[in-house]
Amino acid sequence: MSKNTRATQTLEKTGITFTVHTYDYDPNAERVGLQAAEAIGEEPHRVLKTLMAEVDGKPVCVVVPSDREVSMKKLAAAFGGKSAAMMKPALAEKATGYVVGGISPFGQKKQVPTAIEEAAMNEPLVYMNGGQRGLQVRLAPTDAQRALNAIIASVIAER
């Protein structure tokens, strides 16, 4: 497995401090983010999943803890839209240049507006996909926000 991906290259170019962590990706896992958290031995709320969605038909990226779900209503509101829906996997792959299960918010083919769940900002370090299945990068959430020029918003659904 290469630890040199568009995501890690993007972080290096921006001068962000991060570490790379690999794990055995399970293509049959019901929830990829939770499988990643378990595989690297980290709490699920610190392992963030990258999801691609559309707000009023325009692509957006949303990063949330792997043990939570996105509220489409909150996501639309975060971007000043009326409606939001998850992007179909094939469209997400085409838009990002990454394969589902390996979609990183960093180094996408075209950077789209990104939101990071505000609860993640309370953690000193978080894990995000590093641009391929089985690869995570660990970094400060404030550095991730800066690298992505992301908005911080409450976008998770209530339990």
C-alpha atoms as a PDB file:
ATOM      1  CA  MET A   1       0.000   0.000   0.000  1.00  0.00           C
ATOM      2  CA  SER A   2       1.344   3.383  -0.984  1.00  0.00           C
ATOM      3  CA  LYS A   3       1.345   6.021   1.703  1.00  0.00           C
ATOM      4  CA  ASN A   4       1.829   8.659  -0.986  1.00  0.00           C
ATOM      5  CA  THR A   5      -1.603   9.710  -2.251  1.00  0.00           C
ATOM      6  CA  ARG A   6      -3.105  12.942  -3.567  1.00  0.00           C
ATOM      7  CA  ALA A   7      -4.442  13.467  -0.041  1.00  0.00           C
ATOM      8  CA  THR A   8      -1.051  13.136   1.673  1.00  0.00           C
ATOM      9  CA  GLN A   9       0.607  15.214  -1.057  1.00  0.00           C
ATOM     10  CA  THR A  10      -1.978  17.960  -0.529  1.00  0.00           C
ATOM     11  CA  LEU A  11      -1.354  17.983   3.225  1.00  0.00           C
ATOM     12  CA  GLU A  12       2.417  18.089   2.695  1.00  0.00           C
ATOM     13  CA  LYS A  13       2.088  21.035   0.267  1.00  0.00           C
ATOM     14  CA  THR A  14       0.049  22.994   2.808  1.00  0.00           C
ATOM     15  CA  GLY A  15       2.610  22.314   5.543  1.00  0.00           C
ATOM     16  CA  ILE A  16       0.109  20.469   7.748  1.00  0.00           C
ATOM     17  CA  THR A  17       1.575  18.141  10.373  1.00  0.00           C
ATOM     18  CA  PHE A  18       0.048  14.666  10.119  1.00  0.00           C
ATOM     19  CA  THR A  19       0.866  11.014  10.614  1.00  0.00           C
ATOM     20  CA  VAL A  20      -0.159   8.112   8.389  1.00  0.00           C
ATOM     21  CA  HIS A  21      -1.854   4.998   9.753  1.00  0.00           C
ATOM     22  CA  THR A  22      -2.661   1.860   7.783  1.00  0.00           C
ATOM     23  CA  TYR A  23      -5.079  -0.936   8.581  1.00  0.00           C
ATOM     24  CA  ASP A  24      -6.619  -3.970   6.912  1.00  0.00           C
ATOM     25  CA  TYR A  25      -9.611  -2.631   5.023  1.00  0.00           C
ATOM     26  CA  ASP A  26     -12.633  -4.937   5.089  1.00  0.00           C
ATOM     27  CA  PRO A  27     -14.627  -4.488   1.869  1.00  0.00           C
ATOM     28  CA  ASN A  28     -17.530  -6.374   3.457  1.00  0.00           C
ATOM     29  CA  ALA A  29     -17.821  -4.138   6.526  1.00  0.00           C
ATOM     30  CA  GLU A  30     -21.304  -2.799   7.042  1.00  0.00           C
ATOM     31  CA  ARG A  31     -19.955   0.578   8.182  1.00  0.00           C
ATOM     32  CA  VAL A  32     -16.500   1.394   6.812  1.00  0.00           C
ATOM     33  CA  GLY A  33     -15.752   4.185   9.307  1.00  0.00           C
ATOM     34  CA  LEU A  34     -16.514   2.014  12.313  1.00  0.00           C
ATOM     35  CA  GLN A  35     -14.410  -0.786  10.863  1.00  0.00           C
ATOM     36  CA  ALA A  36     -11.519   1.660  10.432  1.00  0.00           C
ATOM     37  CA  ALA A  37     -11.843   2.865  14.036  1.00  0.00           C
ATOM     38  CA  GLU A  38     -11.803  -0.683  15.359  1.00  0.00           C
ATOM     39  CA  ALA A  39      -8.890  -1.686  13.132  1.00  0.00           C
ATOM     40  CA  ILE A  40      -6.665   1.179  14.296  1.00  0.00           C
ATOM     41  CA  GLY A  41      -7.818   0.892  17.925  1.00  0.00           C
ATOM     42  CA  GLU A  42      -9.332   4.366  18.163  1.00  0.00           C
ATOM     43  CA  GLU A  43     -12.632   5.710  19.508  1.00  0.00           C
ATOM     44  CA  PRO A  44     -15.197   6.009  16.667  1.00  0.00           C
ATOM     45  CA  HIS A  45     -15.891   9.685  17.414  1.00  0.00           C
ATOM     46  CA  ARG A  46     -12.228  10.471  16.604  1.00  0.00           C
ATOM     47  CA  VAL A  47     -12.262   8.598  13.296  1.00  0.00           C
ATOM     48  CA  LEU A  48     -14.097  10.835  10.858  1.00  0.00           C
ATOM     49  CA  LYS A  49     -15.826   9.628   7.729  1.00  0.00           C
ATOM     50  CA  THR A  50     -15.873  11.615   4.513  1.00  0.00           C
ATOM     51  CA  LEU A  51     -19.204  11.733   2.732  1.00  0.00           C
ATOM     52  CA  MET A  52     -20.154  13.342  -0.539  1.00  0.00           C
ATOM     53  CA  ALA A  53     -23.567  14.958  -0.827  1.00  0.00           C
ATOM     54  CA  GLU A  54     -25.435  17.499  -2.893  1.00  0.00           C
ATOM     55  CA  VAL A  55     -27.043  20.649  -1.540  1.00  0.00           C
ATOM     56  CA  ASP A  56     -29.568  22.105  -3.965  1.00  0.00           C
ATOM     57  CA  GLY A  57     -27.948  19.935  -6.650  1.00  0.00           C
ATOM     58  CA  LYS A  58     -24.385  21.175  -6.029  1.00  0.00           C
ATOM     59  CA  PRO A  59     -21.664  18.851  -4.682  1.00  0.00           C
ATOM     60  CA  VAL A  60     -20.422  19.255  -1.117  1.00  0.00           C
ATOM     61  CA  CYS A  61     -18.195  17.248   1.189  1.00  0.00           C
ATOM     62  CA  VAL A  62     -19.141  16.573   4.801  1.00  0.00           C
ATOM     63  CA  VAL A  63     -16.856  15.114   7.474  1.00  0.00           C
ATOM     64  CA  VAL A  64     -18.463  13.582  10.559  1.00  0.00           C
ATOM     65  CA  PRO A  65     -17.573  11.114  13.322  1.00  0.00           C
ATOM     66  CA  SER A  66     -17.796   7.533  12.038  1.00  0.00           C
ATOM     67  CA  ASP A  67     -20.390   6.592  14.651  1.00  0.00           C
ATOM     68  CA  ARG A  68     -22.853   9.313  13.640  1.00  0.00           C
ATOM     69  CA  GLU A  69     -25.189  10.006  10.720  1.00  0.00           C
ATOM     70  CA  VAL A  70     -25.659  13.239   8.789  1.00  0.00           C
ATOM     71  CA  SER A  71     -28.883  15.215   9.107  1.00  0.00           C
ATOM     72  CA  MET A  72     -29.791  16.270   5.573  1.00  0.00           C
ATOM     73  CA  LYS A  73     -31.805  19.186   6.934  1.00  0.00           C
ATOM     74  CA  LYS A  74     -28.846  20.462   8.978  1.00  0.00           C
ATOM     75  CA  LEU A  75     -26.448  19.896   6.075  1.00  0.00           C
ATOM     76  CA  ALA A  76     -28.609  21.935   3.697  1.00  0.00           C
ATOM     77  CA  ALA A  77     -28.894  24.720   6.277  1.00  0.00           C
ATOM     78  CA  ALA A  78     -25.122  24.733   6.878  1.00  0.00           C
ATOM     79  CA  PHE A  79     -24.577  25.613   3.224  1.00  0.00           C
ATOM     80  CA  GLY A  80     -27.546  27.987   2.990  1.00  0.00           C
ATOM     81  CA  GLY A  81     -29.559  25.545   0.881  1.00  0.00           C
ATOM     82  CA  LYS A  82     -33.054  24.166   0.895  1.00  0.00           C
ATOM     83  CA  SER A  83     -32.397  20.442   0.424  1.00  0.00           C
ATOM     84  CA  ALA A  84     -29.583  17.922   0.658  1.00  0.00           C
ATOM     85  CA  ALA A  85     -29.122  14.330  -0.429  1.00  0.00           C
ATOM     86  CA  MET A  86     -26.276  11.847  -0.388  1.00  0.00           C
ATOM     87  CA  MET A  87     -24.400  11.596  -3.671  1.00  0.00           C
ATOM     88  CA  LYS A  88     -24.621   8.250  -5.458  1.00  0.00           C
ATOM     89  CA  PRO A  89     -21.361   6.268  -5.031  1.00  0.00           C
ATOM     90  CA  ALA A  90     -20.457   6.357  -8.739  1.00  0.00           C
ATOM     91  CA  LEU A  91     -20.905  10.147  -8.815  1.00  0.00           C
ATOM     92  CA  ALA A  92     -18.859  10.533  -5.618  1.00  0.00           C
ATOM     93  CA  GLU A  93     -16.025   8.554  -7.190  1.00  0.00           C
ATOM     94  CA  LYS A  94     -16.176  10.586 -10.386  1.00  0.00           C
ATOM     95  CA  ALA A  95     -16.289  13.905  -8.506  1.00  0.00           C
ATOM     96  CA  THR A  96     -13.432  13.119  -6.128  1.00  0.00           C
ATOM     97  CA  GLY A  97     -11.171  10.842  -8.127  1.00  0.00           C
ATOM     98  CA  TYR A  98     -11.171   8.420  -5.196  1.00  0.00           C
ATOM     99  CA  VAL A  99     -12.815   5.017  -4.728  1.00  0.00           C
ATOM    100  CA  VAL A 100     -15.648   4.681  -2.198  1.00  0.00           C
ATOM    101  CA  GLY A 101     -14.083   3.540   1.070  1.00  0.00           C
ATOM    102  CA  GLY A 102     -11.018   5.601   0.187  1.00  0.00           C
ATOM    103  CA  ILE A 103     -12.568   9.039  -0.342  1.00  0.00           C
ATOM    104  CA  SER A 104     -10.541  11.713   1.404  1.00  0.00           C
ATOM    105  CA  PRO A 105     -11.585  15.324   1.859  1.00  0.00           C
ATOM    106  CA  PHE A 106      -8.015  16.261   0.874  1.00  0.00           C
ATOM    107  CA  GLY A 107      -6.758  16.283  -2.712  1.00  0.00           C
ATOM    108  CA  GLN A 108     -10.067  15.731  -4.432  1.00  0.00           C
ATOM    109  CA  LYS A 109     -10.081  16.292  -8.211  1.00  0.00           C
ATOM    110  CA  LYS A 110     -11.986  19.505  -7.633  1.00  0.00           C
ATOM    111  CA  GLN A 111     -12.239  20.969  -4.158  1.00  0.00           C
ATOM    112  CA  VAL A 112     -15.882  21.451  -3.209  1.00  0.00           C
ATOM    113  CA  PRO A 113     -17.373  23.299  -0.235  1.00  0.00           C
ATOM    114  CA  THR A 114     -16.705  21.231   2.873  1.00  0.00           C
ATOM    115  CA  ALA A 115     -18.289  21.090   6.325  1.00  0.00           C
ATOM    116  CA  ILE A 116     -16.736  19.478   9.379  1.00  0.00           C
ATOM    117  CA  GLU A 117     -19.000  18.462  12.257  1.00  0.00           C
ATOM    118  CA  GLU A 118     -18.424  20.915  15.108  1.00  0.00           C
ATOM    119  CA  ALA A 119     -18.176  18.143  17.738  1.00  0.00           C
ATOM    120  CA  ALA A 120     -14.990  16.913  16.014  1.00  0.00           C
ATOM    121  CA  MET A 121     -13.315  20.244  16.706  1.00  0.00           C
ATOM    122  CA  ASN A 122     -13.215  19.394  20.435  1.00  0.00           C
ATOM    123  CA  GLU A 123     -10.716  16.589  19.824  1.00  0.00           C
ATOM    124  CA  PRO A 124      -6.957  17.277  19.933  1.00  0.00           C
ATOM    125  CA  LEU A 125      -6.390  14.857  17.017  1.00  0.00           C
ATOM    126  CA  VAL A 126      -8.712  13.137  14.577  1.00  0.00           C
ATOM    127  CA  TYR A 127      -8.318  10.566  11.829  1.00  0.00           C
ATOM    128  CA  MET A 128      -9.513  11.137   8.263  1.00  0.00           C
ATOM    129  CA  ASN A 129      -9.247   9.035   5.145  1.00  0.00           C
ATOM    130  CA  GLY A 130      -5.842   9.381   3.505  1.00  0.00           C
ATOM    131  CA  GLY A 131      -6.973   8.801  -0.051  1.00  0.00           C
ATOM    132  CA  GLN A 132      -7.180   5.040  -0.319  1.00  0.00           C
ATOM    133  CA  ARG A 133      -8.846   2.136   1.419  1.00  0.00           C
ATOM    134  CA  GLY A 134      -6.961   1.172   4.565  1.00  0.00           C
ATOM    135  CA  LEU A 135      -5.153   4.506   4.944  1.00  0.00           C
ATOM    136  CA  GLN A 136      -5.924   7.149   7.564  1.00  0.00           C
ATOM    137  CA  VAL A 137      -4.167  10.415   8.359  1.00  0.00           C
ATOM    138  CA  ARG A 138      -4.117  11.735  11.925  1.00  0.00           C
ATOM    139  CA  LEU A 139      -4.061  15.483  12.384  1.00  0.00           C
ATOM    140  CA  ALA A 140      -5.460  18.342  14.430  1.00  0.00           C
ATOM    141  CA  PRO A 141      -9.029  19.165  13.370  1.00  0.00           C
ATOM    142  CA  THR A 142      -8.107  22.851  13.188  1.00  0.00           C
ATOM    143  CA  ASP A 143      -5.400  21.980  10.639  1.00  0.00           C
ATOM    144  CA  ALA A 144      -7.937  19.970   8.639  1.00  0.00           C
ATOM    145  CA  GLN A 145     -10.310  22.940   8.670  1.00  0.00           C
ATOM    146  CA  ARG A 146      -7.554  25.232   7.443  1.00  0.00           C
ATOM    147  CA  ALA A 147      -6.393  22.847   4.709  1.00  0.00           C
ATOM    148  CA  LEU A 148      -9.951  22.400   3.453  1.00  0.00           C
ATOM    149  CA  ASN A 149     -11.153  25.955   4.055  1.00  0.00           C
ATOM    150  CA  ALA A 150     -14.069  24.137   5.683  1.00  0.00           C
ATOM    151  CA  ILE A 151     -17.015  25.522   7.550  1.00  0.00           C
ATOM    152  CA  ILE A 152     -17.710  24.165  11.031  1.00  0.00           C
ATOM    153  CA  ALA A 153     -21.321  23.274  11.623  1.00  0.00           C
ATOM    154  CA  SER A 154     -23.609  20.954  13.550  1.00  0.00           C
ATOM    155  CA  VAL A 155     -24.617  18.527  10.797  1.00  0.00           C
ATOM    156  CA  ILE A 156     -25.185  15.249  12.662  1.00  0.00           C
ATOM    157  CA  ALA A 157     -28.585  13.738  13.230  1.00  0.00           C
ATOM    158  CA  GLU A 158     -29.903  13.484  16.768  1.00  0.00           C
ATOM    159  CA  ARG A 159     -29.651   9.986  18.246  1.00  0.00           C
END
